[in-house]
Amino acid sequence: MSSNAKKRRYPFSRTRVYISAVTSVLSVILAVLLLQGNLIHFLYYFICTLLIAPAIFVFNVRFLIAKASKPSREKILPTEKGASQWKTLLLLFGILIVSMIVPLFLAQVLPPEIWFVLIISFTSGASIAEVLFYFHMR
């Protein structure tokens, strides 16, 4: 897995990494400042960030490996190209719909403090994962 990913360069610009690094630092500072009085919410933030960052990192690495091995699959099975594009498009559309509906549902169910913890931990986790992905690719 890592040998295929390390053969490729980082596919995005360094500006993206710098923005992710600044975002991760600022979101951690914000979380520490706002959640320092409530240990339970800070613990939730820490756990959610520790779950989100590796998940997004693994997704990035898997996506890069799948993207790198795509030309070899197209040579073997050229007839499935149209079908796989439609499956990918439907999957992305489904993810878009779910990502729009789930937060609206959770906003009614969860208290505002937990909602804030989820948003800030997702921001921190995604930014940290992008920085780790950059260092992994170097």
N, C-alpha and C. Protein backbone atom coordinates (compact mmCIF):
# COMPACT_ATOMS: atom_id res chain seq x y z
N MET A 1 0.82 -1.18 0.00
CA MET A 1 0.00 0.00 0.00
C MET A 1 0.87 1.25 0.00
N SER A 2 1.82 1.34 0.92
CA SER A 2 2.60 2.56 1.03
C SER A 2 3.61 2.70 -0.11
N SER A 3 4.04 1.58 -0.71
CA SER A 3 5.01 1.69 -1.80
C SER A 3 4.40 2.35 -3.02
N ASN A 4 3.12 2.05 -3.32
CA ASN A 4 2.46 2.72 -4.44
C ASN A 4 2.20 4.18 -4.16
N ALA A 5 1.85 4.48 -2.94
CA ALA A 5 1.54 5.87 -2.59
C ALA A 5 2.82 6.71 -2.53
N LYS A 6 3.93 6.13 -2.11
CA LYS A 6 5.16 6.91 -1.99
C LYS A 6 5.82 7.14 -3.34
N LYS A 7 5.48 6.40 -4.35
CA LYS A 7 6.04 6.61 -5.67
C LYS A 7 5.50 7.89 -6.30
N ARG A 8 4.35 8.32 -5.87
CA ARG A 8 3.74 9.51 -6.44
C ARG A 8 4.06 10.73 -5.59
N ARG A 9 3.98 11.88 -6.23
CA ARG A 9 4.18 13.14 -5.52
C ARG A 9 2.86 13.61 -4.94
N TYR A 10 2.95 14.61 -4.07
CA TYR A 10 1.76 15.20 -3.49
C TYR A 10 0.97 15.86 -4.62
N PRO A 11 -0.30 15.48 -4.82
CA PRO A 11 -1.03 15.92 -6.01
C PRO A 11 -1.56 17.36 -5.97
N PHE A 12 -1.42 18.04 -4.85
CA PHE A 12 -1.97 19.38 -4.71
C PHE A 12 -0.85 20.39 -4.47
N SER A 13 -1.20 21.66 -4.44
CA SER A 13 -0.19 22.69 -4.23
C SER A 13 0.18 22.80 -2.75
N ARG A 14 1.31 23.42 -2.49
CA ARG A 14 1.73 23.61 -1.10
C ARG A 14 0.85 24.61 -0.37
N THR A 15 0.20 25.47 -1.13
CA THR A 15 -0.70 26.44 -0.51
C THR A 15 -1.80 25.73 0.26
N ARG A 16 -2.28 24.63 -0.29
CA ARG A 16 -3.32 23.85 0.38
C ARG A 16 -2.82 23.32 1.72
N VAL A 17 -1.57 22.90 1.75
CA VAL A 17 -0.99 22.38 3.00
C VAL A 17 -0.84 23.50 4.02
N TYR A 18 -0.39 24.67 3.56
CA TYR A 18 -0.24 25.79 4.48
C TYR A 18 -1.58 26.22 5.06
N ILE A 19 -2.60 26.26 4.22
CA ILE A 19 -3.93 26.62 4.70
C ILE A 19 -4.44 25.58 5.70
N SER A 20 -4.20 24.31 5.41
CA SER A 20 -4.61 23.25 6.33
C SER A 20 -3.87 23.34 7.66
N ALA A 21 -2.59 23.66 7.60
CA ALA A 21 -1.81 23.78 8.84
C ALA A 21 -2.32 24.94 9.69
N VAL A 22 -2.59 26.07 9.06
CA VAL A 22 -3.10 27.23 9.80
C VAL A 22 -4.49 26.92 10.35
N THR A 23 -5.33 26.27 9.55
CA THR A 23 -6.67 25.92 10.00
C THR A 23 -6.63 24.96 11.19
N SER A 24 -5.74 23.99 11.14
CA SER A 24 -5.66 23.04 12.25
C SER A 24 -5.17 23.72 13.52
N VAL A 25 -4.18 24.58 13.41
CA VAL A 25 -3.68 25.28 14.60
C VAL A 25 -4.76 26.19 15.18
N LEU A 26 -5.43 26.95 14.32
CA LEU A 26 -6.47 27.86 14.81
C LEU A 26 -7.66 27.12 15.40
N SER A 27 -8.05 25.99 14.80
CA SER A 27 -9.19 25.26 15.35
C SER A 27 -8.84 24.59 16.67
N VAL A 28 -7.61 24.14 16.83
CA VAL A 28 -7.20 23.58 18.12
C VAL A 28 -7.17 24.67 19.18
N ILE A 29 -6.64 25.84 18.83
CA ILE A 29 -6.63 26.96 19.78
C ILE A 29 -8.06 27.35 20.16
N LEU A 30 -8.94 27.43 19.18
CA LEU A 30 -10.34 27.77 19.47
C LEU A 30 -10.98 26.74 20.39
N ALA A 31 -10.74 25.47 20.11
CA ALA A 31 -11.32 24.42 20.95
C ALA A 31 -10.79 24.49 22.38
N VAL A 32 -9.49 24.72 22.52
CA VAL A 32 -8.91 24.80 23.87
C VAL A 32 -9.46 25.99 24.63
N LEU A 33 -9.57 27.13 23.94
CA LEU A 33 -10.07 28.32 24.61
C LEU A 33 -11.53 28.20 25.02
N LEU A 34 -12.35 27.63 24.14
CA LEU A 34 -13.78 27.57 24.43
C LEU A 34 -14.20 26.36 25.27
N LEU A 35 -13.42 25.29 25.22
CA LEU A 35 -13.81 24.07 25.92
C LEU A 35 -12.98 23.82 27.17
N GLN A 36 -12.14 24.75 27.58
CA GLN A 36 -11.28 24.51 28.74
C GLN A 36 -12.06 24.41 30.04
N GLY A 37 -13.21 25.01 30.10
CA GLY A 37 -14.01 24.94 31.32
C GLY A 37 -14.79 23.65 31.47
N ASN A 38 -15.02 22.95 30.38
CA ASN A 38 -15.83 21.73 30.42
C ASN A 38 -14.97 20.55 29.95
N LEU A 39 -14.55 19.74 30.88
CA LEU A 39 -13.63 18.64 30.57
C LEU A 39 -14.30 17.58 29.69
N ILE A 40 -15.57 17.32 29.89
CA ILE A 40 -16.27 16.30 29.10
C ILE A 40 -16.34 16.69 27.63
N HIS A 41 -16.69 17.95 27.35
CA HIS A 41 -16.74 18.40 25.96
C HIS A 41 -15.36 18.43 25.32
N PHE A 42 -14.34 18.77 26.11
CA PHE A 42 -12.97 18.73 25.58
C PHE A 42 -12.55 17.30 25.27
N LEU A 43 -12.95 16.37 26.11
CA LEU A 43 -12.66 14.95 25.86
C LEU A 43 -13.38 14.47 24.60
N TYR A 44 -14.63 14.87 24.41
CA TYR A 44 -15.36 14.55 23.18
C TYR A 44 -14.65 15.10 21.96
N TYR A 45 -14.17 16.34 22.07
CA TYR A 45 -13.43 16.97 20.97
C TYR A 45 -12.18 16.16 20.64
N PHE A 46 -11.44 15.79 21.66
CA PHE A 46 -10.20 15.05 21.46
C PHE A 46 -10.47 13.69 20.82
N ILE A 47 -11.48 12.98 21.29
CA ILE A 47 -11.82 11.66 20.74
C ILE A 47 -12.30 11.77 19.30
N CYS A 48 -13.17 12.72 19.02
CA CYS A 48 -13.68 12.89 17.65
C CYS A 48 -12.56 13.27 16.68
N THR A 49 -11.66 14.13 17.13
CA THR A 49 -10.53 14.50 16.27
C THR A 49 -9.64 13.30 16.01
N LEU A 50 -9.41 12.49 17.03
CA LEU A 50 -8.59 11.29 16.86
C LEU A 50 -9.26 10.24 15.98
N LEU A 51 -10.56 10.27 15.86
CA LEU A 51 -11.25 9.35 14.97
C LEU A 51 -11.33 9.88 13.53
N ILE A 52 -11.51 11.18 13.40
CA ILE A 52 -11.71 11.77 12.07
C ILE A 52 -10.40 11.88 11.30
N ALA A 53 -9.33 12.31 11.95
CA ALA A 53 -8.05 12.52 11.26
C ALA A 53 -7.51 11.25 10.60
N PRO A 54 -7.42 10.12 11.30
CA PRO A 54 -6.93 8.91 10.62
C PRO A 54 -7.89 8.41 9.53
N ALA A 55 -9.18 8.60 9.74
CA ALA A 55 -10.14 8.14 8.72
C ALA A 55 -9.95 8.92 7.41
N ILE A 56 -9.80 10.22 7.51
CA ILE A 56 -9.60 11.02 6.31
C ILE A 56 -8.23 10.76 5.70
N PHE A 57 -7.21 10.55 6.54
CA PHE A 57 -5.88 10.22 6.03
C PHE A 57 -5.90 8.92 5.24
N VAL A 58 -6.52 7.89 5.80
CA VAL A 58 -6.61 6.60 5.10
C VAL A 58 -7.41 6.75 3.80
N PHE A 59 -8.48 7.53 3.84
CA PHE A 59 -9.26 7.77 2.63
C PHE A 59 -8.41 8.44 1.55
N ASN A 60 -7.59 9.43 1.93
CA ASN A 60 -6.72 10.09 0.96
C ASN A 60 -5.70 9.13 0.36
N VAL A 61 -5.10 8.30 1.19
CA VAL A 61 -4.10 7.35 0.69
C VAL A 61 -4.77 6.31 -0.23
N ARG A 62 -5.92 5.80 0.17
CA ARG A 62 -6.62 4.82 -0.65
C ARG A 62 -7.06 5.43 -1.99
N PHE A 63 -7.52 6.67 -1.94
CA PHE A 63 -7.94 7.34 -3.16
C PHE A 63 -6.75 7.54 -4.10
N LEU A 64 -5.60 7.88 -3.56
CA LEU A 64 -4.41 8.06 -4.38
C LEU A 64 -3.97 6.74 -5.00
N ILE A 65 -4.04 5.66 -4.24
CA ILE A 65 -3.67 4.34 -4.78
C ILE A 65 -4.65 3.91 -5.86
N ALA A 66 -5.94 4.13 -5.63
CA ALA A 66 -6.94 3.78 -6.64
C ALA A 66 -6.75 4.62 -7.90
N LYS A 67 -6.40 5.88 -7.73
CA LYS A 67 -6.17 6.75 -8.87
C LYS A 67 -4.93 6.32 -9.64
N ALA A 68 -3.90 5.85 -8.92
CA ALA A 68 -2.66 5.42 -9.56
C ALA A 68 -2.85 4.11 -10.31
N SER A 69 -3.70 3.22 -9.80
CA SER A 69 -3.88 1.92 -10.44
C SER A 69 -5.01 1.94 -11.47
N LYS A 70 -5.65 3.05 -11.67
CA LYS A 70 -6.78 3.13 -12.60
C LYS A 70 -6.40 2.82 -14.05
N PRO A 71 -5.28 3.34 -14.59
CA PRO A 71 -4.96 3.02 -15.99
C PRO A 71 -4.75 1.53 -16.25
N SER A 72 -4.20 0.80 -15.29
CA SER A 72 -4.00 -0.62 -15.50
C SER A 72 -5.33 -1.37 -15.51
N ARG A 73 -6.31 -0.92 -14.72
CA ARG A 73 -7.63 -1.57 -14.75
C ARG A 73 -8.35 -1.27 -16.05
N GLU A 74 -8.18 -0.06 -16.59
CA GLU A 74 -8.86 0.28 -17.83
C GLU A 74 -8.33 -0.54 -19.00
N LYS A 75 -7.05 -0.91 -18.96
CA LYS A 75 -6.50 -1.74 -20.02
C LYS A 75 -7.08 -3.15 -19.97
N ILE A 76 -7.35 -3.63 -18.76
CA ILE A 76 -7.87 -4.98 -18.61
C ILE A 76 -9.36 -5.04 -18.93
N LEU A 77 -10.14 -4.12 -18.38
CA LEU A 77 -11.59 -4.12 -18.55
C LEU A 77 -12.07 -2.80 -19.15
N PRO A 78 -11.92 -2.59 -20.44
CA PRO A 78 -12.32 -1.30 -21.01
C PRO A 78 -13.83 -1.12 -21.11
N THR A 79 -14.62 -2.18 -21.05
CA THR A 79 -16.06 -2.05 -21.21
C THR A 79 -16.74 -1.51 -19.96
N GLU A 80 -16.11 -1.62 -18.81
CA GLU A 80 -16.73 -1.17 -17.56
C GLU A 80 -16.49 0.31 -17.29
N LYS A 81 -15.85 1.02 -18.20
CA LYS A 81 -15.51 2.41 -17.96
C LYS A 81 -16.77 3.27 -17.77
N GLY A 82 -17.75 3.14 -18.65
CA GLY A 82 -18.97 3.93 -18.55
C GLY A 82 -19.78 3.58 -17.32
N ALA A 83 -19.83 2.29 -16.99
CA ALA A 83 -20.59 1.86 -15.82
C ALA A 83 -19.94 2.36 -14.53
N SER A 84 -18.61 2.33 -14.46
CA SER A 84 -17.94 2.78 -13.24
C SER A 84 -18.07 4.30 -13.07
N GLN A 85 -18.12 5.03 -14.17
CA GLN A 85 -18.30 6.48 -14.06
C GLN A 85 -19.68 6.79 -13.50
N TRP A 86 -20.71 6.05 -13.95
CA TRP A 86 -22.06 6.28 -13.43
C TRP A 86 -22.16 5.89 -11.96
N LYS A 87 -21.50 4.79 -11.59
CA LYS A 87 -21.53 4.37 -10.19
C LYS A 87 -20.85 5.42 -9.30
N THR A 88 -19.74 5.95 -9.78
CA THR A 88 -19.05 6.99 -9.02
C THR A 88 -19.89 8.24 -8.90
N LEU A 89 -20.54 8.63 -9.98
CA LEU A 89 -21.39 9.81 -9.96
C LEU A 89 -22.57 9.62 -9.01
N LEU A 90 -23.20 8.45 -9.04
CA LEU A 90 -24.32 8.18 -8.13
C LEU A 90 -23.85 8.14 -6.68
N LEU A 91 -22.67 7.58 -6.44
CA LEU A 91 -22.13 7.54 -5.09
C LEU A 91 -21.86 8.96 -4.57
N LEU A 92 -21.26 9.80 -5.39
CA LEU A 92 -21.00 11.18 -5.00
C LEU A 92 -22.30 11.95 -4.76
N PHE A 93 -23.30 11.71 -5.58
CA PHE A 93 -24.59 12.37 -5.40
C PHE A 93 -25.24 11.91 -4.10
N GLY A 94 -25.15 10.63 -3.80
CA GLY A 94 -25.69 10.11 -2.55
C GLY A 94 -24.99 10.69 -1.34
N ILE A 95 -23.67 10.80 -1.42
CA ILE A 95 -22.91 11.40 -0.32
C ILE A 95 -23.29 12.85 -0.14
N LEU A 96 -23.51 13.57 -1.24
CA LEU A 96 -23.92 14.97 -1.17
C LEU A 96 -25.27 15.11 -0.47
N ILE A 97 -26.23 14.28 -0.85
CA ILE A 97 -27.57 14.34 -0.25
C ILE A 97 -27.49 14.00 1.25
N VAL A 98 -26.77 12.96 1.58
CA VAL A 98 -26.65 12.55 2.98
C VAL A 98 -25.94 13.62 3.80
N SER A 99 -24.89 14.23 3.22
CA SER A 99 -24.17 15.26 3.96
C SER A 99 -25.00 16.53 4.15
N MET A 100 -26.05 16.70 3.38
CA MET A 100 -26.94 17.85 3.57
C MET A 100 -28.07 17.53 4.54
N ILE A 101 -28.54 16.29 4.56
CA ILE A 101 -29.69 15.92 5.39
C ILE A 101 -29.27 15.60 6.82
N VAL A 102 -28.18 14.89 7.00
CA VAL A 102 -27.76 14.46 8.34
C VAL A 102 -27.49 15.65 9.27
N PRO A 103 -26.76 16.69 8.85
CA PRO A 103 -26.59 17.82 9.78
C PRO A 103 -27.90 18.51 10.16
N LEU A 104 -28.84 18.58 9.24
CA LEU A 104 -30.13 19.18 9.58
C LEU A 104 -30.86 18.35 10.62
N PHE A 105 -30.79 17.03 10.48
CA PHE A 105 -31.42 16.15 11.46
C PHE A 105 -30.71 16.24 12.80
N LEU A 106 -29.39 16.24 12.79
CA LEU A 106 -28.63 16.28 14.04
C LEU A 106 -28.78 17.62 14.75
N ALA A 107 -29.03 18.69 14.01
CA ALA A 107 -29.22 20.01 14.63
C ALA A 107 -30.46 20.03 15.51
N GLN A 108 -31.46 19.23 15.16
CA GLN A 108 -32.67 19.16 15.97
C GLN A 108 -32.50 18.22 17.16
N VAL A 109 -31.64 17.24 17.04
CA VAL A 109 -31.51 16.22 18.07
C VAL A 109 -30.43 16.56 19.09
N LEU A 110 -29.28 17.03 18.64
CA LEU A 110 -28.15 17.26 19.53
C LEU A 110 -28.19 18.64 20.18
N PRO A 111 -27.66 18.74 21.38
CA PRO A 111 -27.53 20.07 21.99
C PRO A 111 -26.46 20.90 21.27
N PRO A 112 -26.54 22.22 21.38
CA PRO A 112 -25.60 23.08 20.64
C PRO A 112 -24.13 22.86 21.01
N GLU A 113 -23.84 22.50 22.25
CA GLU A 113 -22.45 22.27 22.64
C GLU A 113 -21.85 21.09 21.89
N ILE A 114 -22.60 20.01 21.80
CA ILE A 114 -22.11 18.82 21.08
C ILE A 114 -22.00 19.12 19.59
N TRP A 115 -22.92 19.88 19.08
CA TRP A 115 -22.88 20.28 17.67
C TRP A 115 -21.60 21.07 17.39
N PHE A 116 -21.26 22.00 18.27
CA PHE A 116 -20.03 22.77 18.13
C PHE A 116 -18.81 21.86 18.20
N VAL A 117 -18.80 20.92 19.13
CA VAL A 117 -17.68 19.99 19.27
C VAL A 117 -17.51 19.17 17.99
N LEU A 118 -18.60 18.70 17.42
CA LEU A 118 -18.50 17.93 16.18
C LEU A 118 -17.94 18.75 15.02
N ILE A 119 -18.39 19.98 14.89
CA ILE A 119 -17.92 20.82 13.79
C ILE A 119 -16.44 21.16 13.96
N ILE A 120 -16.05 21.56 15.15
CA ILE A 120 -14.65 21.96 15.36
C ILE A 120 -13.72 20.75 15.29
N SER A 121 -14.18 19.58 15.73
CA SER A 121 -13.33 18.39 15.64
C SER A 121 -13.21 17.91 14.20
N PHE A 122 -14.27 18.09 13.40
CA PHE A 122 -14.16 17.74 11.97
C PHE A 122 -13.17 18.67 11.28
N THR A 123 -13.23 19.96 11.61
CA THR A 123 -12.30 20.92 11.01
C THR A 123 -10.86 20.58 11.39
N SER A 124 -10.64 20.31 12.65
CA SER A 124 -9.30 19.96 13.11
C SER A 124 -8.82 18.66 12.48
N GLY A 125 -9.69 17.65 12.48
CA GLY A 125 -9.29 16.34 11.96
C GLY A 125 -8.99 16.37 10.48
N ALA A 126 -9.81 17.07 9.70
CA ALA A 126 -9.58 17.14 8.25
C ALA A 126 -8.30 17.91 7.94
N SER A 127 -8.03 18.97 8.67
CA SER A 127 -6.82 19.76 8.44
C SER A 127 -5.57 18.98 8.85
N ILE A 128 -5.64 18.33 9.98
CA ILE A 128 -4.50 17.52 10.44
C ILE A 128 -4.23 16.38 9.47
N ALA A 129 -5.29 15.76 8.96
CA ALA A 129 -5.13 14.66 8.01
C ALA A 129 -4.46 15.15 6.72
N GLU A 130 -4.79 16.34 6.27
CA GLU A 130 -4.18 16.87 5.05
C GLU A 130 -2.69 17.14 5.25
N VAL A 131 -2.33 17.67 6.40
CA VAL A 131 -0.92 17.92 6.69
C VAL A 131 -0.17 16.60 6.81
N LEU A 132 -0.74 15.62 7.47
CA LEU A 132 -0.11 14.31 7.58
C LEU A 132 0.04 13.64 6.22
N PHE A 133 -0.97 13.81 5.36
CA PHE A 133 -0.91 13.25 4.02
C PHE A 133 0.23 13.88 3.23
N TYR A 134 0.44 15.18 3.40
CA TYR A 134 1.54 15.86 2.72
C TYR A 134 2.87 15.30 3.18
N PHE A 135 3.05 15.15 4.50
CA PHE A 135 4.30 14.60 5.00
C PHE A 135 4.48 13.14 4.62
N HIS A 136 3.42 12.41 4.51
CA HIS A 136 3.48 11.01 4.08
C HIS A 136 3.96 10.90 2.63
N MET A 137 3.56 11.85 1.80
CA MET A 137 3.90 11.81 0.39
C MET A 137 5.31 12.32 0.11
N ARG A 138 5.92 13.02 1.04
CA ARG A 138 7.28 13.55 0.84
C ARG A 138 8.32 12.52 0.95
